[in-house]
N, C-alpha and C. Protein backbone atom coordinates (compact mmCIF):
# COMPACT_ATOMS: atom_id res chain seq x y z
N MET A 1 101.84 80.97 124.16
CA MET A 1 103.02 81.59 123.63
C MET A 1 103.11 81.31 122.13
N HIS A 2 103.23 82.36 121.35
CA HIS A 2 103.33 82.22 119.90
C HIS A 2 104.70 82.69 119.44
N ALA A 3 105.35 81.89 118.64
CA ALA A 3 106.63 82.28 118.05
C ALA A 3 106.34 83.04 116.76
N GLU A 4 107.03 84.12 116.56
CA GLU A 4 106.85 84.91 115.35
C GLU A 4 107.81 84.43 114.28
N LEU A 5 107.30 84.19 113.09
CA LEU A 5 108.14 83.86 111.94
C LEU A 5 108.24 85.08 111.06
N THR A 6 109.40 85.34 110.53
CA THR A 6 109.54 86.43 109.57
C THR A 6 109.99 85.85 108.24
N PHE A 7 109.51 86.43 107.18
CA PHE A 7 109.82 85.98 105.84
C PHE A 7 110.40 87.13 105.05
N PRO A 8 111.25 86.84 104.07
CA PRO A 8 111.81 87.93 103.27
C PRO A 8 110.71 88.62 102.50
N SER A 9 110.84 89.93 102.39
CA SER A 9 109.85 90.68 101.62
C SER A 9 110.16 90.50 100.13
N ALA A 10 109.20 90.85 99.32
CA ALA A 10 109.40 90.76 97.88
C ALA A 10 110.52 91.71 97.47
N PRO A 11 111.25 91.36 96.42
CA PRO A 11 112.33 92.24 95.99
C PRO A 11 111.79 93.58 95.54
N THR A 12 112.51 94.63 95.90
CA THR A 12 112.10 95.98 95.52
C THR A 12 112.62 96.30 94.12
N ALA A 13 112.06 97.34 93.52
CA ALA A 13 112.53 97.77 92.20
C ALA A 13 114.01 98.13 92.25
N SER A 14 114.43 98.75 93.35
CA SER A 14 115.84 99.11 93.52
C SER A 14 116.71 97.85 93.54
N HIS A 15 116.27 96.83 94.27
CA HIS A 15 117.01 95.56 94.34
C HIS A 15 117.15 94.95 92.95
N LEU A 16 116.07 94.97 92.19
CA LEU A 16 116.10 94.37 90.86
C LEU A 16 117.04 95.13 89.94
N ARG A 17 117.05 96.46 90.05
CA ARG A 17 117.96 97.27 89.23
C ARG A 17 119.40 96.98 89.60
N ASN A 18 119.67 96.85 90.91
CA ASN A 18 121.05 96.67 91.38
C ASN A 18 121.59 95.27 91.11
N THR A 19 120.73 94.26 91.19
CA THR A 19 121.22 92.89 91.03
C THR A 19 120.92 92.32 89.66
N GLY A 20 119.87 92.83 89.04
CA GLY A 20 119.46 92.28 87.76
C GLY A 20 118.90 90.87 87.88
N ASN A 21 118.64 90.44 89.12
CA ASN A 21 118.19 89.07 89.34
C ASN A 21 116.98 89.08 90.26
N ALA A 22 115.81 88.85 89.70
CA ALA A 22 114.57 88.89 90.48
C ALA A 22 114.46 87.72 91.44
N SER A 23 115.22 86.65 91.21
CA SER A 23 115.03 85.45 92.02
C SER A 23 116.10 85.26 93.09
N ALA A 24 117.04 86.18 93.23
CA ALA A 24 118.13 86.00 94.19
C ALA A 24 117.59 85.88 95.60
N GLY A 25 117.82 84.73 96.25
CA GLY A 25 117.44 84.55 97.64
C GLY A 25 115.98 84.22 97.88
N TYR A 26 115.22 83.96 96.85
CA TYR A 26 113.79 83.70 97.03
C TYR A 26 113.46 82.29 96.59
N PHE A 27 112.55 81.66 97.33
CA PHE A 27 112.10 80.31 97.01
C PHE A 27 111.03 80.40 95.94
N HIS A 28 111.16 79.65 94.90
CA HIS A 28 110.13 79.59 93.87
C HIS A 28 109.50 78.22 93.93
N GLY A 29 108.24 78.20 94.31
CA GLY A 29 107.53 76.95 94.49
C GLY A 29 107.17 76.30 93.17
N PRO A 30 106.41 75.24 93.24
CA PRO A 30 106.02 74.50 92.05
C PRO A 30 105.09 75.31 91.16
N ALA A 31 104.96 74.87 89.93
CA ALA A 31 104.02 75.51 89.02
C ALA A 31 102.65 75.49 89.68
N GLY A 32 101.89 76.53 89.50
CA GLY A 32 100.58 76.62 90.13
C GLY A 32 100.57 77.65 91.25
N VAL A 33 101.75 78.10 91.71
CA VAL A 33 101.78 79.19 92.68
C VAL A 33 101.44 80.45 91.92
N GLN A 34 100.46 81.19 92.40
CA GLN A 34 99.99 82.37 91.69
C GLN A 34 101.07 83.43 91.60
N ALA A 35 101.13 84.11 90.46
CA ALA A 35 102.08 85.20 90.27
C ALA A 35 101.84 86.26 91.34
N GLY A 36 102.92 86.77 91.90
CA GLY A 36 102.81 87.78 92.95
C GLY A 36 102.61 87.19 94.33
N GLY A 37 102.39 85.88 94.42
CA GLY A 37 102.23 85.22 95.71
C GLY A 37 103.58 84.87 96.30
N VAL A 38 103.57 84.47 97.54
CA VAL A 38 104.80 84.06 98.22
C VAL A 38 104.70 82.58 98.49
N ALA A 39 105.72 81.83 98.14
CA ALA A 39 105.76 80.39 98.41
C ALA A 39 106.62 80.17 99.65
N VAL A 40 106.08 79.46 100.63
CA VAL A 40 106.80 79.15 101.86
C VAL A 40 106.85 77.63 101.99
N ASP A 41 108.05 77.10 102.14
CA ASP A 41 108.20 75.66 102.30
C ASP A 41 107.54 75.22 103.60
N SER A 42 106.82 74.11 103.58
CA SER A 42 106.13 73.63 104.78
C SER A 42 107.09 73.36 105.93
N LYS A 43 108.33 72.99 105.62
CA LYS A 43 109.32 72.76 106.67
C LYS A 43 109.59 74.03 107.46
N THR A 44 109.49 75.18 106.80
CA THR A 44 109.68 76.46 107.47
C THR A 44 108.56 76.70 108.48
N LEU A 45 107.33 76.36 108.10
CA LEU A 45 106.19 76.55 109.00
C LEU A 45 106.19 75.54 110.14
N LEU A 46 106.45 74.29 109.83
CA LEU A 46 106.36 73.23 110.84
C LEU A 46 107.58 73.17 111.75
N ARG A 47 108.73 73.56 111.27
CA ARG A 47 109.98 73.60 112.06
C ARG A 47 110.20 72.33 112.87
N GLY A 48 110.02 71.17 112.21
CA GLY A 48 110.28 69.89 112.86
C GLY A 48 109.13 69.32 113.66
N HIS A 49 108.04 70.06 113.78
CA HIS A 49 106.87 69.57 114.52
C HIS A 49 105.88 68.92 113.56
N LYS A 50 104.99 68.11 114.10
CA LYS A 50 103.96 67.46 113.28
C LYS A 50 102.83 68.44 112.93
N ALA A 51 102.58 69.42 113.82
CA ALA A 51 101.48 70.36 113.60
C ALA A 51 101.83 71.72 114.19
N VAL A 52 101.23 72.76 113.64
CA VAL A 52 101.36 74.12 114.16
C VAL A 52 99.99 74.78 114.15
N THR A 53 99.83 75.80 114.97
CA THR A 53 98.61 76.60 114.98
C THR A 53 98.91 77.90 114.26
N ILE A 54 98.04 78.25 113.33
CA ILE A 54 98.15 79.50 112.59
C ILE A 54 96.98 80.38 113.02
N VAL A 55 97.26 81.59 113.45
CA VAL A 55 96.20 82.53 113.83
C VAL A 55 96.00 83.49 112.67
N HIS A 56 94.77 83.56 112.17
CA HIS A 56 94.43 84.42 111.04
C HIS A 56 93.16 85.17 111.36
N ASN A 57 93.23 86.49 111.39
CA ASN A 57 92.07 87.34 111.70
C ASN A 57 91.38 86.91 113.00
N GLY A 58 92.17 86.56 114.00
CA GLY A 58 91.63 86.20 115.30
C GLY A 58 91.16 84.76 115.44
N ALA A 59 91.14 84.01 114.35
CA ALA A 59 90.72 82.61 114.39
C ALA A 59 91.96 81.71 114.33
N SER A 60 91.90 80.59 115.06
CA SER A 60 93.02 79.64 115.08
C SER A 60 92.76 78.50 114.11
N TYR A 61 93.78 78.17 113.35
CA TYR A 61 93.74 77.06 112.40
C TYR A 61 94.90 76.13 112.73
N ARG A 62 94.71 74.84 112.52
CA ARG A 62 95.76 73.85 112.78
C ARG A 62 96.25 73.30 111.44
N LEU A 63 97.55 73.43 111.19
CA LEU A 63 98.18 72.86 110.01
C LEU A 63 98.93 71.62 110.46
N GLN A 64 98.58 70.48 109.90
CA GLN A 64 99.14 69.20 110.35
C GLN A 64 99.71 68.43 109.16
N ALA A 65 100.90 67.85 109.35
CA ALA A 65 101.51 66.97 108.35
C ALA A 65 101.11 65.54 108.66
N THR A 66 100.70 64.80 107.64
CA THR A 66 100.32 63.40 107.83
C THR A 66 101.53 62.49 107.60
N LYS A 67 101.37 61.22 107.95
CA LYS A 67 102.44 60.24 107.74
C LYS A 67 102.73 60.03 106.25
N LEU A 68 101.74 60.31 105.40
CA LEU A 68 101.91 60.14 103.96
C LEU A 68 102.46 61.39 103.28
N GLY A 69 102.80 62.41 104.07
CA GLY A 69 103.39 63.62 103.51
C GLY A 69 102.39 64.64 103.01
N LYS A 70 101.13 64.49 103.36
CA LYS A 70 100.09 65.45 102.97
C LYS A 70 99.94 66.48 104.08
N LEU A 71 99.28 67.60 103.76
CA LEU A 71 98.99 68.63 104.75
C LEU A 71 97.49 68.73 104.95
N ILE A 72 97.07 68.92 106.20
CA ILE A 72 95.67 69.11 106.54
C ILE A 72 95.55 70.43 107.29
N LEU A 73 94.66 71.31 106.83
CA LEU A 73 94.40 72.58 107.50
C LEU A 73 92.97 72.54 108.02
N THR A 74 92.81 72.67 109.35
CA THR A 74 91.48 72.64 109.96
C THR A 74 91.28 73.86 110.82
N LYS A 75 90.03 74.25 110.98
CA LYS A 75 89.70 75.39 111.82
C LYS A 75 89.36 74.91 113.20
């Protein structure tokens, strides 16, 4: 059983014209996040668990948080 996560889409041109604020409601990660990319807080992915399985192109990957606060991604 896989739980589906949904994330907000990037702001549209219409949204930007109407609000004048490109960052309203969006998480901006640390410096180093590529422009045009989406930053997702690890707490959103892990949802209180130590590890989650991510399925990408039919392959399963395990994302695990360590006791020292690091992340490990394994295939």
